[in-house]
PDB file of N, CA and C in Angstrom:
ATOM      1  N   MET A   1     -43.010 -66.823  71.383  1.00  0.00           N
ATOM      2  CA  MET A   1     -43.163 -68.240  71.758  1.00  0.00           C
ATOM      3  C   MET A   1     -43.660 -68.740  70.582  1.00  0.00           C
ATOM      4  N   LYS A   2     -43.091 -69.780  69.817  1.00  0.00           N
ATOM      5  CA  LYS A   2     -43.449 -70.343  68.404  1.00  0.00           C
ATOM      6  C   LYS A   2     -44.578 -71.529  68.923  1.00  0.00           C
ATOM      7  N   SER A   3     -45.546 -71.995  68.149  1.00  0.00           N
ATOM      8  CA  SER A   3     -46.387 -72.739  68.558  1.00  0.00           C
ATOM      9  C   SER A   3     -46.114 -73.874  67.605  1.00  0.00           C
ATOM     10  N   TRP A   4     -46.396 -75.114  68.263  1.00  0.00           N
ATOM     11  CA  TRP A   4     -46.488 -76.327  67.057  1.00  0.00           C
ATOM     12  C   TRP A   4     -47.616 -76.562  66.480  1.00  0.00           C
ATOM     13  N   ILE A   5     -47.605 -76.789  65.070  1.00  0.00           N
ATOM     14  CA  ILE A   5     -48.805 -77.129  64.268  1.00  0.00           C
ATOM     15  C   ILE A   5     -48.722 -78.469  64.034  1.00  0.00           C
ATOM     16  N   GLU A   6     -49.638 -79.282  64.246  1.00  0.00           N
ATOM     17  CA  GLU A   6     -50.005 -80.873  63.726  1.00  0.00           C
ATOM     18  C   GLU A   6     -50.172 -80.750  62.370  1.00  0.00           C
ATOM     19  N   LYS A   7     -49.159 -81.697  61.555  1.00  0.00           N
ATOM     20  CA  LYS A   7     -49.285 -81.391  60.092  1.00  0.00           C
ATOM     21  C   LYS A   7     -49.895 -82.970  59.727  1.00  0.00           C
ATOM     22  N   ARG A   8     -50.166 -83.778  60.787  1.00  0.00           N
ATOM     23  CA  ARG A   8     -50.599 -85.110  60.090  1.00  0.00           C
ATOM     24  C   ARG A   8     -52.226 -84.967  59.937  1.00  0.00           C
ATOM     25  N   SER A   9     -52.651 -85.776  58.833  1.00  0.00           N
ATOM     26  CA  SER A   9     -53.864 -85.642  58.425  1.00  0.00           C
ATOM     27  C   SER A   9     -54.742 -86.585  59.356  1.00  0.00           C
ATOM     28  N   HIS A  10     -54.387 -87.633  59.924  1.00  0.00           N
ATOM     29  CA  HIS A  10     -54.984 -88.790  60.858  1.00  0.00           C
ATOM     30  C   HIS A  10     -54.108 -88.689  62.049  1.00  0.00           C
ATOM     31  N   ARG A  11     -55.257 -88.711  63.079  1.00  0.00           N
ATOM     32  CA  ARG A  11     -54.617 -88.729  64.390  1.00  0.00           C
ATOM     33  C   ARG A  11     -53.892 -90.282  64.797  1.00  0.00           C
ATOM     34  N   ARG A  12     -52.946 -89.915  65.430  1.00  0.00           N
ATOM     35  CA  ARG A  12     -52.106 -91.194  65.914  1.00  0.00           C
ATOM     36  C   ARG A  12     -52.489 -91.563  67.279  1.00  0.00           C
ATOM     37  N   ASP A  13     -52.517 -93.029  67.508  1.00  0.00           N
ATOM     38  CA  ASP A  13     -53.022 -93.428  68.969  1.00  0.00           C
ATOM     39  C   ASP A  13     -51.799 -94.252  69.504  1.00  0.00           C
ATOM     40  N   CYS A  14     -50.916 -93.927  70.517  1.00  0.00           N
ATOM     41  CA  CYS A  14     -50.218 -94.533  71.344  1.00  0.00           C
ATOM     42  C   CYS A  14     -50.685 -95.943  71.580  1.00  0.00           C
ATOM     43  N   ILE A  15     -50.045 -96.877  71.155  1.00  0.00           N
ATOM     44  CA  ILE A  15     -50.065 -98.438  71.750  1.00  0.00           C
ATOM     45  C   ILE A  15     -48.852 -99.268  71.537  1.00  0.00           C
ATOM     46  N   ARG A  16     -49.068-100.265  71.917  1.00  0.00           N
ATOM     47  CA  ARG A  16     -47.951-101.078  71.893  1.00  0.00           C
ATOM     48  C   ARG A  16     -48.370-102.550  71.564  1.00  0.00           C
ATOM     49  N   ILE A  17     -48.143-102.999  70.418  1.00  0.00           N
ATOM     50  CA  ILE A  17     -48.412-104.163  69.769  1.00  0.00           C
ATOM     51  C   ILE A  17     -47.328-104.820  68.885  1.00  0.00           C
ATOM     52  N   ALA A  18     -47.235-106.301  69.096  1.00  0.00           N
ATOM     53  CA  ALA A  18     -46.046-107.151  68.405  1.00  0.00           C
ATOM     54  C   ALA A  18     -46.642-107.032  66.881  1.00  0.00           C
ATOM     55  N   ALA A  19     -45.587-106.789  66.261  1.00  0.00           N
ATOM     56  CA  ALA A  19     -45.827-106.821  64.513  1.00  0.00           C
ATOM     57  C   ALA A  19     -44.470-107.392  64.082  1.00  0.00           C
ATOM     58  N   THR A  20     -44.685-107.672  62.682  1.00  0.00           N
ATOM     59  CA  THR A  20     -43.686-108.210  61.905  1.00  0.00           C
ATOM     60  C   THR A  20     -43.443-107.489  60.576  1.00  0.00           C
ATOM     61  N   ALA A  21     -42.175-107.259  60.406  1.00  0.00           N
ATOM     62  CA  ALA A  21     -41.562-106.743  59.286  1.00  0.00           C
ATOM     63  C   ALA A  21     -41.509-107.474  58.103  1.00  0.00           C
ATOM     64  N   VAL A  22     -41.852-107.889  57.130  1.00  0.00           N
ATOM     65  CA  VAL A  22     -41.794-108.741  56.187  1.00  0.00           C
ATOM     66  C   VAL A  22     -40.948-108.359  54.850  1.00  0.00           C
ATOM     67  N   LEU A  23     -39.668-108.907  54.750  1.00  0.00           N
ATOM     68  CA  LEU A  23     -38.473-108.404  53.994  1.00  0.00           C
ATOM     69  C   LEU A  23     -38.293-109.188  53.023  1.00  0.00           C
ATOM     70  N   ALA A  24     -37.740-108.957  51.954  1.00  0.00           N
ATOM     71  CA  ALA A  24     -37.330-109.841  50.778  1.00  0.00           C
ATOM     72  C   ALA A  24     -38.532-110.861  50.179  1.00  0.00           C
ATOM     73  N   ASP A  25     -39.380-110.069  49.691  1.00  0.00           N
ATOM     74  CA  ASP A  25     -40.388-111.027  49.483  1.00  0.00           C
ATOM     75  C   ASP A  25     -40.927-112.291  50.188  1.00  0.00           C
ATOM     76  N   GLY A  26     -40.926-111.708  51.740  1.00  0.00           N
ATOM     77  CA  GLY A  26     -41.408-112.813  52.481  1.00  0.00           C
ATOM     78  C   GLY A  26     -40.073-113.630  52.971  1.00  0.00           C
ATOM     79  N   LEU A  27     -39.316-113.847  52.679  1.00  0.00           N
ATOM     80  CA  LEU A  27     -38.170-114.771  52.918  1.00  0.00           C
ATOM     81  C   LEU A  27     -37.624-114.187  54.309  1.00  0.00           C
ATOM     82  N   VAL A  28     -37.601-113.053  54.876  1.00  0.00           N
ATOM     83  CA  VAL A  28     -37.103-112.454  55.868  1.00  0.00           C
ATOM     84  C   VAL A  28     -38.083-111.934  56.711  1.00  0.00           C
ATOM     85  N   ARG A  29     -38.059-112.139  57.977  1.00  0.00           N
ATOM     86  CA  ARG A  29     -39.101-111.572  58.840  1.00  0.00           C
ATOM     87  C   ARG A  29     -38.363-111.116  60.267  1.00  0.00           C
ATOM     88  N   GLU A  30     -38.593-109.861  60.669  1.00  0.00           N
ATOM     89  CA  GLU A  30     -38.152-109.272  61.661  1.00  0.00           C
ATOM     90  C   GLU A  30     -39.274-108.929  62.904  1.00  0.00           C
ATOM     91  N   ASP A  31     -39.001-109.291  63.946  1.00  0.00           N
ATOM     92  CA  ASP A  31     -40.055-108.863  64.820  1.00  0.00           C
ATOM     93  C   ASP A  31     -39.770-107.278  65.318  1.00  0.00           C
ATOM     94  N   VAL A  32     -41.003-106.613  65.313  1.00  0.00           N
ATOM     95  CA  VAL A  32     -40.919-105.006  65.549  1.00  0.00           C
ATOM     96  C   VAL A  32     -42.175-104.844  66.705  1.00  0.00           C
ATOM     97  N   LEU A  33     -41.999-103.609  67.532  1.00  0.00           N
ATOM     98  CA  LEU A  33     -43.170-103.508  68.128  1.00  0.00           C
ATOM     99  C   LEU A  33     -43.876-102.039  67.460  1.00  0.00           C
ATOM    100  N   VAL A  34     -45.206-102.156  67.449  1.00  0.00           N
ATOM    101  CA  VAL A  34     -45.910-100.780  67.067  1.00  0.00           C
ATOM    102  C   VAL A  34     -46.088 -99.832  68.254  1.00  0.00           C
ATOM    103  N   VAL A  35     -45.428 -98.736  68.196  1.00  0.00           N
ATOM    104  CA  VAL A  35     -45.910 -97.840  69.450  1.00  0.00           C
ATOM    105  C   VAL A  35     -46.769 -96.666  69.419  1.00  0.00           C
ATOM    106  N   ASN A  36     -46.876 -96.426  67.796  1.00  0.00           N
ATOM    107  CA  ASN A  36     -48.253 -95.483  67.682  1.00  0.00           C
ATOM    108  C   ASN A  36     -48.626 -95.783  66.279  1.00  0.00           C
ATOM    109  N   LEU A  37     -49.885 -95.402  66.036  1.00  0.00           N
ATOM    110  CA  LEU A  37     -50.721 -95.900  64.893  1.00  0.00           C
ATOM    111  C   LEU A  37     -51.524 -94.923  64.466  1.00  0.00           C
ATOM    112  N   SER A  38     -51.720 -94.757  63.190  1.00  0.00           N
ATOM    113  CA  SER A  38     -52.786 -93.975  62.409  1.00  0.00           C
ATOM    114  C   SER A  38     -53.221 -94.433  61.375  1.00  0.00           C
ATOM    115  N   ARG A  39     -54.267 -94.177  60.565  1.00  0.00           N
ATOM    116  CA  ARG A  39     -54.521 -94.551  59.572  1.00  0.00           C
ATOM    117  C   ARG A  39     -53.823 -94.693  58.361  1.00  0.00           C
ATOM    118  N   SER A  40     -52.744 -93.782  58.481  1.00  0.00           N
ATOM    119  CA  SER A  40     -51.707 -93.391  57.416  1.00  0.00           C
ATOM    120  C   SER A  40     -50.625 -93.984  57.700  1.00  0.00           C
ATOM    121  N   GLY A  41     -50.086 -94.538  58.850  1.00  0.00           N
ATOM    122  CA  GLY A  41     -48.947 -94.787  59.053  1.00  0.00           C
ATOM    123  C   GLY A  41     -48.804 -95.282  60.603  1.00  0.00           C
ATOM    124  N   ALA A  42     -47.271 -95.572  61.044  1.00  0.00           N
ATOM    125  CA  ALA A  42     -47.205 -95.814  62.332  1.00  0.00           C
ATOM    126  C   ALA A  42     -45.803 -95.473  62.515  1.00  0.00           C
ATOM    127  N   MET A  43     -45.495 -95.701  63.731  1.00  0.00           N
ATOM    128  CA  MET A  43     -43.854 -95.736  64.536  1.00  0.00           C
ATOM    129  C   MET A  43     -43.730 -97.013  64.993  1.00  0.00           C
ATOM    130  N   VAL A  44     -42.460 -97.592  64.431  1.00  0.00           N
ATOM    131  CA  VAL A  44     -42.038 -99.029  65.065  1.00  0.00           C
ATOM    132  C   VAL A  44     -40.896 -98.918  65.866  1.00  0.00           C
ATOM    133  N   GLU A  45     -40.749 -99.574  67.015  1.00  0.00           N
ATOM    134  CA  GLU A  45     -39.478-100.024  67.418  1.00  0.00           C
ATOM    135  C   GLU A  45     -38.948-101.196  67.071  1.00  0.00           C
ATOM    136  N   LEU A  46     -37.724-101.131  66.856  1.00  0.00           N
ATOM    137  CA  LEU A  46     -36.949-102.452  66.595  1.00  0.00           C
ATOM    138  C   LEU A  46     -35.480-102.742  66.834  1.00  0.00           C
ATOM    139  N   PRO A  47     -35.091-103.763  66.702  1.00  0.00           N
ATOM    140  CA  PRO A  47     -33.738-103.988  67.116  1.00  0.00           C
ATOM    141  C   PRO A  47     -32.567-102.981  66.286  1.00  0.00           C
ATOM    142  N   GLU A  48     -31.735-102.656  67.028  1.00  0.00           N
ATOM    143  CA  GLU A  48     -30.842-101.725  66.395  1.00  0.00           C
ATOM    144  C   GLU A  48     -30.156-102.597  65.182  1.00  0.00           C
ATOM    145  N   THR A  49     -30.034-103.596  65.196  1.00  0.00           N
ATOM    146  CA  THR A  49     -29.312-104.485  64.321  1.00  0.00           C
ATOM    147  C   THR A  49     -30.078-104.809  62.729  1.00  0.00           C
ATOM    148  N   VAL A  50     -31.306-104.406  62.761  1.00  0.00           N
ATOM    149  CA  VAL A  50     -32.361-104.458  61.925  1.00  0.00           C
ATOM    150  C   VAL A  50     -32.308-103.244  60.757  1.00  0.00           C
ATOM    151  N   ASP A  51     -31.806-103.822  59.580  1.00  0.00           N
ATOM    152  CA  ASP A  51     -31.701-102.442  58.551  1.00  0.00           C
ATOM    153  C   ASP A  51     -32.699-102.740  57.564  1.00  0.00           C
ATOM    154  N   LEU A  52     -33.729-101.813  57.641  1.00  0.00           N
ATOM    155  CA  LEU A  52     -35.094-101.736  56.866  1.00  0.00           C
ATOM    156  C   LEU A  52     -34.861-101.367  55.785  1.00  0.00           C
ATOM    157  N   PRO A  53     -35.296-102.098  54.626  1.00  0.00           N
ATOM    158  CA  PRO A  53     -35.510-101.251  53.176  1.00  0.00           C
ATOM    159  C   PRO A  53     -36.288-100.419  53.037  1.00  0.00           C
ATOM    160  N   PRO A  54     -35.875 -99.525  51.917  1.00  0.00           N
ATOM    161  CA  PRO A  54     -36.923 -98.282  51.984  1.00  0.00           C
ATOM    162  C   PRO A  54     -38.463 -98.776  51.947  1.00  0.00           C
ATOM    163  N   SER A  55     -38.922 -99.942  51.521  1.00  0.00           N
ATOM    164  CA  SER A  55     -40.119-100.183  51.251  1.00  0.00           C
ATOM    165  C   SER A  55     -40.427-101.798  51.693  1.00  0.00           C
ATOM    166  N   PHE A  56     -41.422-102.052  52.501  1.00  0.00           N
ATOM    167  CA  PHE A  56     -41.659-103.674  53.085  1.00  0.00           C
ATOM    168  C   PHE A  56     -42.995-103.760  53.447  1.00  0.00           C
ATOM    169  N   THR A  57     -43.447-104.780  53.936  1.00  0.00           N
ATOM    170  CA  THR A  57     -44.752-105.050  54.371  1.00  0.00           C
ATOM    171  C   THR A  57     -44.745-105.392  55.819  1.00  0.00           C
ATOM    172  N   LEU A  58     -45.936-104.712  56.593  1.00  0.00           N
ATOM    173  CA  LEU A  58     -45.912-104.866  58.077  1.00  0.00           C
ATOM    174  C   LEU A  58     -46.975-105.728  58.238  1.00  0.00           C
ATOM    175  N   LEU A  59     -46.795-106.639  58.971  1.00  0.00           N
ATOM    176  CA  LEU A  59     -48.023-107.474  59.512  1.00  0.00           C
ATOM    177  C   LEU A  59     -48.366-107.270  60.987  1.00  0.00           C
ATOM    178  N   PHE A  60     -49.634-106.941  61.123  1.00  0.00           N
ATOM    179  CA  PHE A  60     -49.983-106.790  62.406  1.00  0.00           C
ATOM    180  C   PHE A  60     -51.521-106.766  62.498  1.00  0.00           C
ATOM    181  N   LYS A  61     -51.945-107.030  63.750  1.00  0.00           N
ATOM    182  CA  LYS A  61     -53.773-107.130  63.906  1.00  0.00           C
ATOM    183  C   LYS A  61     -54.140-107.935  62.533  1.00  0.00           C
ATOM    184  N   HIS A  62     -53.574-109.054  62.261  1.00  0.00           N
ATOM    185  CA  HIS A  62     -54.288-109.697  60.959  1.00  0.00           C
ATOM    186  C   HIS A  62     -54.301-108.880  59.828  1.00  0.00           C
ATOM    187  N   SER A  63     -53.442-108.195  59.542  1.00  0.00           N
ATOM    188  CA  SER A  63     -53.329-107.118  58.411  1.00  0.00           C
ATOM    189  C   SER A  63     -51.895-107.076  57.675  1.00  0.00           C
ATOM    190  N   LEU A  64     -51.844-107.072  56.312  1.00  0.00           N
ATOM    191  CA  LEU A  64     -50.651-107.186  55.961  1.00  0.00           C
ATOM    192  C   LEU A  64     -50.425-105.665  55.202  1.00  0.00           C
ATOM    193  N   GLU A  65     -49.917-104.659  55.698  1.00  0.00           N
ATOM    194  CA  GLU A  65     -49.721-103.292  55.079  1.00  0.00           C
ATOM    195  C   GLU A  65     -48.367-103.112  54.404  1.00  0.00           C
ATOM    196  N   PRO A  66     -48.448-102.882  53.145  1.00  0.00           N
ATOM    197  CA  PRO A  66     -47.146-102.072  52.448  1.00  0.00           C
ATOM    198  C   PRO A  66     -47.085-100.894  52.633  1.00  0.00           C
ATOM    199  N   CYS A  67     -45.671-100.509  53.003  1.00  0.00           N
ATOM    200  CA  CYS A  67     -45.284 -99.544  53.801  1.00  0.00           C
ATOM    201  C   CYS A  67     -43.993 -98.987  53.105  1.00  0.00           C
ATOM    202  N   GLN A  68     -43.628 -97.543  53.393  1.00  0.00           N
ATOM    203  CA  GLN A  68     -42.334 -97.071  53.100  1.00  0.00           C
ATOM    204  C   GLN A  68     -41.813 -96.458  54.414  1.00  0.00           C
ATOM    205  N   VAL A  69     -40.387 -96.596  54.630  1.00  0.00           N
ATOM    206  CA  VAL A  69     -39.778 -95.832  55.577  1.00  0.00           C
ATOM    207  C   VAL A  69     -39.670 -94.386  55.243  1.00  0.00           C
ATOM    208  N   VAL A  70     -40.241 -93.808  56.394  1.00  0.00           N
ATOM    209  CA  VAL A  70     -40.315 -91.988  56.198  1.00  0.00           C
ATOM    210  C   VAL A  70     -39.049 -91.631  56.785  1.00  0.00           C
ATOM    211  N   TRP A  71     -38.780 -91.998  58.004  1.00  0.00           N
ATOM    212  CA  TRP A  71     -37.493 -91.672  58.723  1.00  0.00           C
ATOM    213  C   TRP A  71     -37.037 -92.666  59.478  1.00  0.00           C
ATOM    214  N   ARG A  72     -35.774 -92.805  60.224  1.00  0.00           N
ATOM    215  CA  ARG A  72     -35.350 -93.584  61.022  1.00  0.00           C
ATOM    216  C   ARG A  72     -34.105 -93.055  62.087  1.00  0.00           C
ATOM    217  N   ALA A  73     -34.508 -93.329  63.587  1.00  0.00           N
ATOM    218  CA  ALA A  73     -33.799 -92.442  64.157  1.00  0.00           C
ATOM    219  C   ALA A  73     -33.551 -93.774  65.704  1.00  0.00           C
ATOM    220  N   ALA A  74     -32.047 -94.158  65.596  1.00  0.00           N
ATOM    221  CA  ALA A  74     -31.691 -95.306  66.339  1.00  0.00           C
ATOM    222  C   ALA A  74     -32.480 -96.335  66.295  1.00  0.00           C
ATOM    223  N   GLN A  75     -33.493 -97.119  67.255  1.00  0.00           N
ATOM    224  CA  GLN A  75     -34.332 -97.983  67.167  1.00  0.00           C
ATOM    225  C   GLN A  75     -35.703 -97.791  66.753  1.00  0.00           C
ATOM    226  N   PHE A  76     -35.857 -96.696  66.224  1.00  0.00           N
ATOM    227  CA  PHE A  76     -37.306 -96.174  66.104  1.00  0.00           C
ATOM    228  C   PHE A  76     -37.527 -95.729  64.431  1.00  0.00           C
ATOM    229  N   ALA A  77     -38.460 -96.277  63.810  1.00  0.00           N
ATOM    230  CA  ALA A  77     -38.691 -95.779  62.343  1.00  0.00           C
ATOM    231  C   ALA A  77     -40.156 -95.339  62.272  1.00  0.00           C
ATOM    232  N   GLY A  78     -40.229 -94.179  61.497  1.00  0.00           N
ATOM    233  CA  GLY A  78     -41.669 -93.955  61.148  1.00  0.00           C
ATOM    234  C   GLY A  78     -42.148 -94.415  59.591  1.00  0.00           C
ATOM    235  N   LEU A  79     -43.190 -94.958  59.567  1.00  0.00           N
ATOM    236  CA  LEU A  79     -43.616 -95.780  58.160  1.00  0.00           C
ATOM    237  C   LEU A  79     -44.979 -95.085  57.890  1.00  0.00           C
ATOM    238  N   LYS A  80     -44.763 -94.936  56.569  1.00  0.00           N
ATOM    239  CA  LYS A  80     -46.032 -94.448  55.826  1.00  0.00           C
ATOM    240  C   LYS A  80     -46.837 -95.729  55.006  1.00  0.00           C
ATOM    241  N   PHE A  81     -48.244 -95.845  55.325  1.00  0.00           N
ATOM    242  CA  PHE A  81     -48.564 -97.114  54.517  1.00  0.00           C
ATOM    243  C   PHE A  81     -48.943 -96.490  53.070  1.00  0.00           C
ATOM    244  N   ALA A  82     -49.132 -97.733  52.156  1.00  0.00           N
ATOM    245  CA  ALA A  82     -49.433 -97.484  50.850  1.00  0.00           C
ATOM    246  C   ALA A  82     -50.738 -96.959  50.483  1.00  0.00           C
ATOM    247  N   THR A  83     -51.488 -97.306  51.360  1.00  0.00           N
ATOM    248  CA  THR A  83     -53.131 -97.056  51.493  1.00  0.00           C
ATOM    249  C   THR A  83     -53.447 -96.485  52.837  1.00  0.00           C
ATOM    250  N   VAL A  84     -54.672 -95.831  52.998  1.00  0.00           N
ATOM    251  CA  VAL A  84     -54.979 -95.098  54.077  1.00  0.00           C
ATOM    252  C   VAL A  84     -55.924 -96.355  54.675  1.00  0.00           C
ATOM    253  N   LEU A  85     -55.824 -96.592  56.003  1.00  0.00           N
ATOM    254  CA  LEU A  85     -56.435 -97.945  56.544  1.00  0.00           C
ATOM    255  C   LEU A  85     -58.082 -97.490  56.740  1.00  0.00           C
ATOM    256  N   PRO A  86     -58.894 -98.388  56.739  1.00  0.00           N
ATOM    257  CA  PRO A  86     -60.398 -97.962  57.153  1.00  0.00           C
ATOM    258  C   PRO A  86     -60.581 -97.745  58.691  1.00  0.00           C
ATOM    259  N   GLU A  87     -61.522 -96.704  58.969  1.00  0.00           N
ATOM    260  CA  GLU A  87     -61.775 -96.330  60.283  1.00  0.00           C
ATOM    261  C   GLU A  87     -62.354 -97.443  61.020  1.00  0.00           C
TER     262      GLU A  87
END
């Protein structure tokens, strides 16, 4: 039996908070839902019609975080923040 090894450097917390993907230099905004969050990234749920660019800014909890899309599957996307959030 193969065991699974956690490769993330920061613990992820399951949450459900409303957020906004800020695209095209702030001209386009899309509502998303953050479903898990760590100091280095997040997983968001978004409408399937939203086509995220490779990088954008995520607005949540009174914070603007530049991020990159690491993966996308159906209505979910994994994001990596440009900088690690403080504890």
